Amino acid sequence: MRYISTRGEAPDLSFEEAMLTGLARDGGLYVPEEVPALTEAQIAAMAGQSYEDVAYTVMRPFIGETFDDATFRRLIAEAYKGFGHAARAPLVQLAPNHFLLELFHGPTLAFKDFAMQLIGQMFQEALGRSGDRVTIVGATSGDTGSAAIEAFRGLENVDVFILYPHGRVSEVQRRQMTTPVEGNVHTLAVDGDFDDCQAAVKDMFNDFAFREEVKLAGVNSINWGRVLAQVVYYFTSAVSLGAPHRKVSFTVPTGNFGDIFAGYIAKRMGLPIDQLVVATNTNDILHRTLHTGAYTKEGVTQTISPSMDIQVSSNFERALFDAYGRDGKAVKDQMADLKAGGFKISQGAYQALKDTYDSGRASEDETKAAITGYREHHGELLCPHTAVGVHVAEAHLGATPMVTLATAHPAKFPAAVEAATGIHPPLPPRMADLYDLPERINRVGHDLAEIQDFIRTRTLS
């Protein structure tokens, strides 16, 4: 299995190389040269299997010779043994034909744990084998940062630097990033929004001298390994609802497009997915794009679902690549136009996107109403991002079972949940002391040179 860049000008890589590299040298994102298909019999055999066994079946074709079978099974087992539910990603029924996929039973209470815990295991195995040391730099709108820090804290071969927008994440999200004591993890509170943090990370990867100087690696959703790990729970949930003999739909609250692109990969692999519904909050650039064919930035509005407060959705580039028939030059041109504010998608590519994805949006009032209503009428306490998802899903319910992804535990956003329901969601007992731990906060400006100097002084000294 080889991996190619969405912009067509970087060398193709193995899975291990693509995983450790993150962003391609031409600025593009790595995707598999081919998407392997599973047979109907292989999918049907997943019924009743453990999450770990399904993960092995789904991901094994993508990793080539990076890990042998026994090693890969061991890494998967290590990644998920600390999850708080035996099913790892259990389904809960909300209403007839509407189900909630709980993705918050990992160590940091968010769906990012499914990918990051496995990425941590794979990085450790690969780096331990080579003896190399890398510097992981990532941007977060809230959940990726804590998941990355939890996965890599204390590892000998890795330094981790996470950029987050100052004052634009929940207190729980911030404390999960700033309270770890291990010396190899660092958080940078950047004056700006998530898009500014994400742009700084991309600029660092495109500064090849700096990239080589500190041995840069990335674990944002730009990393193909992240997307791959998220494909698995589409299979486990769909099979629980009757796949491959029955179609299943999914609604995915998303800002950076990685989680729903994983659903697209699952569909390409043979999972009978009917609808893939993109759910956005007020920052609805993905919804607008899928309805107009124009990707135009309008600025970021701060909301109670901060992990979706994004205007530049990195993984949308992967969707464009396939929509343009894997034409790297077309994607490169569109990304150049994005720097000037936006771009118009060609008619053929736009139709390909509309044939693949549906979409909807939830205003702040609709999000609050969903949190209130699902507590009162369904007995479910939802985080604001999940509330966006269920609100959008309601407009797409039909004869096909709909699965809405519950991306975070409500305790990660206690103020928003309490305002809507009067209930202050408690943290799990293992995290009960989070508010008592001292924080390490490094405030930096929205300045690339300042951020790079901060990283240099802590990796090269």
Foldseek 3Di string as FASTA:
>chain_A
DWKAFLQGDADIHALVVLQFALAGLVRGFIDDPDQAADDQVVLLVCVPPALLVLLCVQCVVRRPVLDDSVLLSVLSCQLQVQFPDRNCFDWDDQDVLEIATLLQRHPLFFVLSLQQSSSLSSVLVNCVVVVAAAEEEEEALFPNQLSNCVSNAPRDRYAYEYEAAPPQFFPSSQLSNFFDDGLRYYYEHEPDHRVLSHVLVSVCSNPVVLCVVRVYGYDDLSRVSSLSSLLSVVSVVLSVVPPPVAEAEEFEEDAQCSNLVSVVSNVSNPRRYDAREYFAEPLPQVQVCLVPQKLFDDAFDRALVRRNRHRHRRCVSVLLCVLVVNNSNVSVVQVVVVVVTIGGHDPSSSVVVNVHHHYDYHYRVQLLVQQQVCCVPRVDHAASSLSSRVSTVVVVDDPHRYYYYRGGDNQSRQVSSCVSHVDRDADPPVCNCSVVGDTDYHYDYSDSVRVSVVVCVSRVD
